[in-house]
Amino acid sequence: MEPIAVSACPDGEWLIVHQCKTCFVVHINRIAGDDSERELLGLAVRPLKLSPFPI
């Protein structure tokens, strides 16, 4: 499983979106207290970093 994105719920809770590298199934899990904040923010800004047009 590889983390591919994060999602935020209306109540403020964050979720990590994972995708299996072999079968490409997508799963969503709640973040844990020991998850790296830096990695979560990196996933959150990934769409800006990979933008198809200049920002």
PDB file of N, CA and C in Angstrom:
ATOM      1  N   MET A   1       0.845  -1.175   0.000  1.00  0.00           N
ATOM      2  CA  MET A   1       0.000   0.000   0.000  1.00  0.00           C
ATOM      3  C   MET A   1       0.893   1.241   0.000  1.00  0.00           C
ATOM      4  N   GLU A   2       0.499   2.179  -0.812  1.00  0.00           N
ATOM      5  CA  GLU A   2       1.248   3.425  -0.919  1.00  0.00           C
ATOM      6  C   GLU A   2       0.312   4.597  -0.653  1.00  0.00           C
ATOM      7  N   PRO A   3       0.696   5.531   0.233  1.00  0.00           N
ATOM      8  CA  PRO A   3      -0.155   6.705   0.446  1.00  0.00           C
ATOM      9  C   PRO A   3      -0.117   7.585  -0.801  1.00  0.00           C
ATOM     10  N   ILE A   4      -1.314   7.976  -1.286  1.00  0.00           N
ATOM     11  CA  ILE A   4      -1.373   8.775  -2.514  1.00  0.00           C
ATOM     12  C   ILE A   4      -2.006  10.137  -2.301  1.00  0.00           C
ATOM     13  N   ALA A   5      -2.744  10.309  -1.184  1.00  0.00           N
ATOM     14  CA  ALA A   5      -3.415  11.588  -0.948  1.00  0.00           C
ATOM     15  C   ALA A   5      -3.912  11.647   0.485  1.00  0.00           C
ATOM     16  N   VAL A   6      -4.345  12.834   0.887  1.00  0.00           N
ATOM     17  CA  VAL A   6      -5.044  13.010   2.154  1.00  0.00           C
ATOM     18  C   VAL A   6      -6.388  13.647   1.853  1.00  0.00           C
ATOM     19  N   SER A   7      -7.305  13.454   2.768  1.00  0.00           N
ATOM     20  CA  SER A   7      -8.635  14.038   2.639  1.00  0.00           C
ATOM     21  C   SER A   7      -9.027  14.586   3.997  1.00  0.00           C
ATOM     22  N   ALA A   8      -9.754  15.676   3.997  1.00  0.00           N
ATOM     23  CA  ALA A   8     -10.215  16.280   5.252  1.00  0.00           C
ATOM     24  C   ALA A   8     -11.733  16.162   5.337  1.00  0.00           C
ATOM     25  N   CYS A   9     -12.211  15.700   6.480  1.00  0.00           N
ATOM     26  CA  CYS A   9     -13.649  15.609   6.726  1.00  0.00           C
ATOM     27  C   CYS A   9     -14.167  16.959   7.221  1.00  0.00           C
ATOM     28  N   PRO A  10     -15.467  17.196   7.115  1.00  0.00           N
ATOM     29  CA  PRO A  10     -16.030  18.454   7.616  1.00  0.00           C
ATOM     30  C   PRO A  10     -15.797  18.671   9.118  1.00  0.00           C
ATOM     31  N   ASP A  11     -15.651  17.576   9.873  1.00  0.00           N
ATOM     32  CA  ASP A  11     -15.424  17.709  11.313  1.00  0.00           C
ATOM     33  C   ASP A  11     -13.958  17.978  11.655  1.00  0.00           C
ATOM     34  N   GLY A  12     -13.078  18.106  10.620  1.00  0.00           N
ATOM     35  CA  GLY A  12     -11.678  18.423  10.847  1.00  0.00           C
ATOM     36  C   GLY A  12     -10.757  17.222  10.895  1.00  0.00           C
ATOM     37  N   GLU A  13     -11.304  16.027  10.818  1.00  0.00           N
ATOM     38  CA  GLU A  13     -10.481  14.823  10.849  1.00  0.00           C
ATOM     39  C   GLU A  13      -9.831  14.597   9.485  1.00  0.00           C
ATOM     40  N   TRP A  14      -8.563  14.183   9.483  1.00  0.00           N
ATOM     41  CA  TRP A  14      -7.854  13.900   8.245  1.00  0.00           C
ATOM     42  C   TRP A  14      -7.845  12.405   7.980  1.00  0.00           C
ATOM     43  N   LEU A  15      -7.885  12.041   6.708  1.00  0.00           N
ATOM     44  CA  LEU A  15      -7.841  10.648   6.282  1.00  0.00           C
ATOM     45  C   LEU A  15      -6.709  10.487   5.278  1.00  0.00           C
ATOM     46  N   ILE A  16      -6.060   9.328   5.299  1.00  0.00           N
ATOM     47  CA  ILE A  16      -5.011   9.022   4.325  1.00  0.00           C
ATOM     48  C   ILE A  16      -5.601   8.069   3.290  1.00  0.00           C
ATOM     49  N   VAL A  17      -5.393   8.390   2.030  1.00  0.00           N
ATOM     50  CA  VAL A  17      -5.854   7.548   0.936  1.00  0.00           C
ATOM     51  C   VAL A  17      -4.654   6.718   0.480  1.00  0.00           C
ATOM     52  N   HIS A  18      -4.809   5.377   0.544  1.00  0.00           N
ATOM     53  CA  HIS A  18      -3.752   4.458   0.132  1.00  0.00           C
ATOM     54  C   HIS A  18      -4.199   3.706  -1.118  1.00  0.00           C
ATOM     55  N   GLN A  19      -3.225   3.320  -1.953  1.00  0.00           N
ATOM     56  CA  GLN A  19      -3.527   2.489  -3.107  1.00  0.00           C
ATOM     57  C   GLN A  19      -2.546   1.327  -3.130  1.00  0.00           C
ATOM     58  N   CYS A  20      -3.080   0.119  -3.374  1.00  0.00           N
ATOM     59  CA  CYS A  20      -2.250  -1.072  -3.472  1.00  0.00           C
ATOM     60  C   CYS A  20      -1.429  -1.002  -4.755  1.00  0.00           C
ATOM     61  N   LYS A  21      -0.143  -1.342  -4.656  1.00  0.00           N
ATOM     62  CA  LYS A  21       0.738  -1.276  -5.821  1.00  0.00           C
ATOM     63  C   LYS A  21       0.510  -2.429  -6.798  1.00  0.00           C
ATOM     64  N   THR A  22      -0.079  -3.517  -6.334  1.00  0.00           N
ATOM     65  CA  THR A  22      -0.268  -4.666  -7.226  1.00  0.00           C
ATOM     66  C   THR A  22      -1.659  -4.723  -7.841  1.00  0.00           C
ATOM     67  N   CYS A  23      -2.700  -4.490  -7.033  1.00  0.00           N
ATOM     68  CA  CYS A  23      -4.066  -4.613  -7.567  1.00  0.00           C
ATOM     69  C   CYS A  23      -4.767  -3.259  -7.736  1.00  0.00           C
ATOM     70  N   PHE A  24      -4.143  -2.182  -7.302  1.00  0.00           N
ATOM     71  CA  PHE A  24      -4.626  -0.805  -7.459  1.00  0.00           C
ATOM     72  C   PHE A  24      -5.935  -0.506  -6.711  1.00  0.00           C
ATOM     73  N   VAL A  25      -6.258  -1.319  -5.710  1.00  0.00           N
ATOM     74  CA  VAL A  25      -7.416  -1.060  -4.865  1.00  0.00           C
ATOM     75  C   VAL A  25      -7.103   0.133  -3.966  1.00  0.00           C
ATOM     76  N   VAL A  26      -8.086   1.005  -3.758  1.00  0.00           N
ATOM     77  CA  VAL A  26      -7.906   2.200  -2.934  1.00  0.00           C
ATOM     78  C   VAL A  26      -8.593   1.992  -1.586  1.00  0.00           C
ATOM     79  N   HIS A  27      -7.888   2.339  -0.499  1.00  0.00           N
ATOM     80  CA  HIS A  27      -8.420   2.266   0.859  1.00  0.00           C
ATOM     81  C   HIS A  27      -8.236   3.620   1.530  1.00  0.00           C
ATOM     82  N   ILE A  28      -9.124   3.942   2.441  1.00  0.00           N
ATOM     83  CA  ILE A  28      -9.048   5.192   3.197  1.00  0.00           C
ATOM     84  C   ILE A  28      -8.952   4.853   4.674  1.00  0.00           C
ATOM     85  N   ASN A  29      -7.959   5.447   5.358  1.00  0.00           N
ATOM     86  CA  ASN A  29      -7.754   5.207   6.786  1.00  0.00           C
ATOM     87  C   ASN A  29      -7.609   6.530   7.522  1.00  0.00           C
ATOM     88  N   ARG A  30      -8.055   6.540   8.773  1.00  0.00           N
ATOM     89  CA  ARG A  30      -7.858   7.718   9.616  1.00  0.00           C
ATOM     90  C   ARG A  30      -6.381   7.850   9.958  1.00  0.00           C
ATOM     91  N   ILE A  31      -5.929   9.091  10.153  1.00  0.00           N
ATOM     92  CA  ILE A  31      -4.536   9.276  10.546  1.00  0.00           C
ATOM     93  C   ILE A  31      -4.369   8.837  11.997  1.00  0.00           C
ATOM     94  N   ALA A  32      -3.147   8.470  12.322  1.00  0.00           N
ATOM     95  CA  ALA A  32      -2.816   8.069  13.689  1.00  0.00           C
ATOM     96  C   ALA A  32      -2.012   9.184  14.348  1.00  0.00           C
ATOM     97  N   GLY A  33      -1.953   9.150  15.656  1.00  0.00           N
ATOM     98  CA  GLY A  33      -1.237  10.177  16.398  1.00  0.00           C
ATOM     99  C   GLY A  33       0.246  10.211  16.109  1.00  0.00           C
ATOM    100  N   ASP A  34       0.825   9.074  15.680  1.00  0.00           N
ATOM    101  CA  ASP A  34       2.261   9.034  15.413  1.00  0.00           C
ATOM    102  C   ASP A  34       2.603   9.201  13.936  1.00  0.00           C
ATOM    103  N   ASP A  35       1.620   9.534  13.094  1.00  0.00           N
ATOM    104  CA  ASP A  35       1.892   9.812  11.680  1.00  0.00           C
ATOM    105  C   ASP A  35       2.684  11.118  11.559  1.00  0.00           C
ATOM    106  N   SER A  36       3.600  11.135  10.637  1.00  0.00           N
ATOM    107  CA  SER A  36       4.471  12.301  10.437  1.00  0.00           C
ATOM    108  C   SER A  36       3.672  13.457   9.851  1.00  0.00           C
ATOM    109  N   GLU A  37       3.668  14.582  10.559  1.00  0.00           N
ATOM    110  CA  GLU A  37       2.960  15.773  10.067  1.00  0.00           C
ATOM    111  C   GLU A  37       3.591  16.268   8.771  1.00  0.00           C
ATOM    112  N   ARG A  38       4.891  16.161   8.663  1.00  0.00           N
ATOM    113  CA  ARG A  38       5.598  16.595   7.454  1.00  0.00           C
ATOM    114  C   ARG A  38       5.152  15.765   6.247  1.00  0.00           C
ATOM    115  N   GLU A  39       5.043  14.451   6.433  1.00  0.00           N
ATOM    116  CA  GLU A  39       4.605  13.580   5.335  1.00  0.00           C
ATOM    117  C   GLU A  39       3.148  13.858   4.958  1.00  0.00           C
ATOM    118  N   LEU A  40       2.298  14.107   5.958  1.00  0.00           N
ATOM    119  CA  LEU A  40       0.893  14.416   5.682  1.00  0.00           C
ATOM    120  C   LEU A  40       0.762  15.713   4.889  1.00  0.00           C
ATOM    121  N   LEU A  41       1.515  16.728   5.269  1.00  0.00           N
ATOM    122  CA  LEU A  41       1.482  17.994   4.527  1.00  0.00           C
ATOM    123  C   LEU A  41       2.052  17.819   3.123  1.00  0.00           C
ATOM    124  N   GLY A  42       3.059  16.961   2.977  1.00  0.00           N
ATOM    125  CA  GLY A  42       3.608  16.674   1.655  1.00  0.00           C
ATOM    126  C   GLY A  42       2.565  16.043   0.738  1.00  0.00           C
ATOM    127  N   LEU A  43       1.762  15.144   1.295  1.00  0.00           N
ATOM    128  CA  LEU A  43       0.680  14.549   0.510  1.00  0.00           C
ATOM    129  C   LEU A  43      -0.392  15.586   0.180  1.00  0.00           C
ATOM    130  N   ALA A  44      -0.636  16.502   1.112  1.00  0.00           N
ATOM    131  CA  ALA A  44      -1.679  17.513   0.909  1.00  0.00           C
ATOM    132  C   ALA A  44      -1.309  18.492  -0.203  1.00  0.00           C
ATOM    133  N   VAL A  45      -0.035  18.824  -0.342  1.00  0.00           N
ATOM    134  CA  VAL A  45       0.370  19.798  -1.364  1.00  0.00           C
ATOM    135  C   VAL A  45       0.806  19.138  -2.663  1.00  0.00           C
ATOM    136  N   ARG A  46       0.770  17.820  -2.727  1.00  0.00           N
ATOM    137  CA  ARG A  46       1.166  17.113  -3.952  1.00  0.00           C
ATOM    138  C   ARG A  46       0.414  17.602  -5.192  1.00  0.00           C
ATOM    139  N   PRO A  47      -0.901  17.843  -5.135  1.00  0.00           N
ATOM    140  CA  PRO A  47      -1.591  18.338  -6.336  1.00  0.00           C
ATOM    141  C   PRO A  47      -1.067  19.704  -6.798  1.00  0.00           C
ATOM    142  N   LEU A  48      -0.623  20.548  -5.874  1.00  0.00           N
ATOM    143  CA  LEU A  48      -0.053  21.830  -6.266  1.00  0.00           C
ATOM    144  C   LEU A  48       1.312  21.656  -6.912  1.00  0.00           C
ATOM    145  N   LYS A  49       2.077  20.712  -6.395  1.00  0.00           N
ATOM    146  CA  LYS A  49       3.409  20.460  -6.911  1.00  0.00           C
ATOM    147  C   LYS A  49       3.356  19.856  -8.317  1.00  0.00           C
ATOM    148  N   LEU A  50       2.353  19.037  -8.591  1.00  0.00           N
ATOM    149  CA  LEU A  50       2.222  18.366  -9.877  1.00  0.00           C
ATOM    150  C   LEU A  50       1.212  19.059 -10.786  1.00  0.00           C
ATOM    151  N   SER A  51       0.989  20.326 -10.589  1.00  0.00           N
ATOM    152  CA  SER A  51       0.003  21.085 -11.366  1.00  0.00           C
ATOM    153  C   SER A  51       0.363  21.082 -12.846  1.00  0.00           C
ATOM    154  N   PRO A  52      -0.639  20.918 -13.719  1.00  0.00           N
ATOM    155  CA  PRO A  52      -0.362  20.906 -15.156  1.00  0.00           C
ATOM    156  C   PRO A  52      -0.095  22.299 -15.731  1.00  0.00           C
ATOM    157  N   PHE A  53      -0.246  23.329 -14.917  1.00  0.00           N
ATOM    158  CA  PHE A  53      -0.004  24.691 -15.378  1.00  0.00           C
ATOM    159  C   PHE A  53       0.810  25.423 -14.320  1.00  0.00           C
ATOM    160  N   PRO A  54       1.555  26.460 -14.687  1.00  0.00           N
ATOM    161  CA  PRO A  54       2.388  27.173 -13.711  1.00  0.00           C
ATOM    162  C   PRO A  54       1.552  27.947 -12.696  1.00  0.00           C
ATOM    163  N   ILE A  55       1.995  27.902 -11.462  1.00  0.00           N
ATOM    164  CA  ILE A  55       1.279  28.615 -10.387  1.00  0.00           C
ATOM    165  C   ILE A  55       2.062  29.856 -10.033  1.00  0.00           C
TER     166      ILE A  55
END
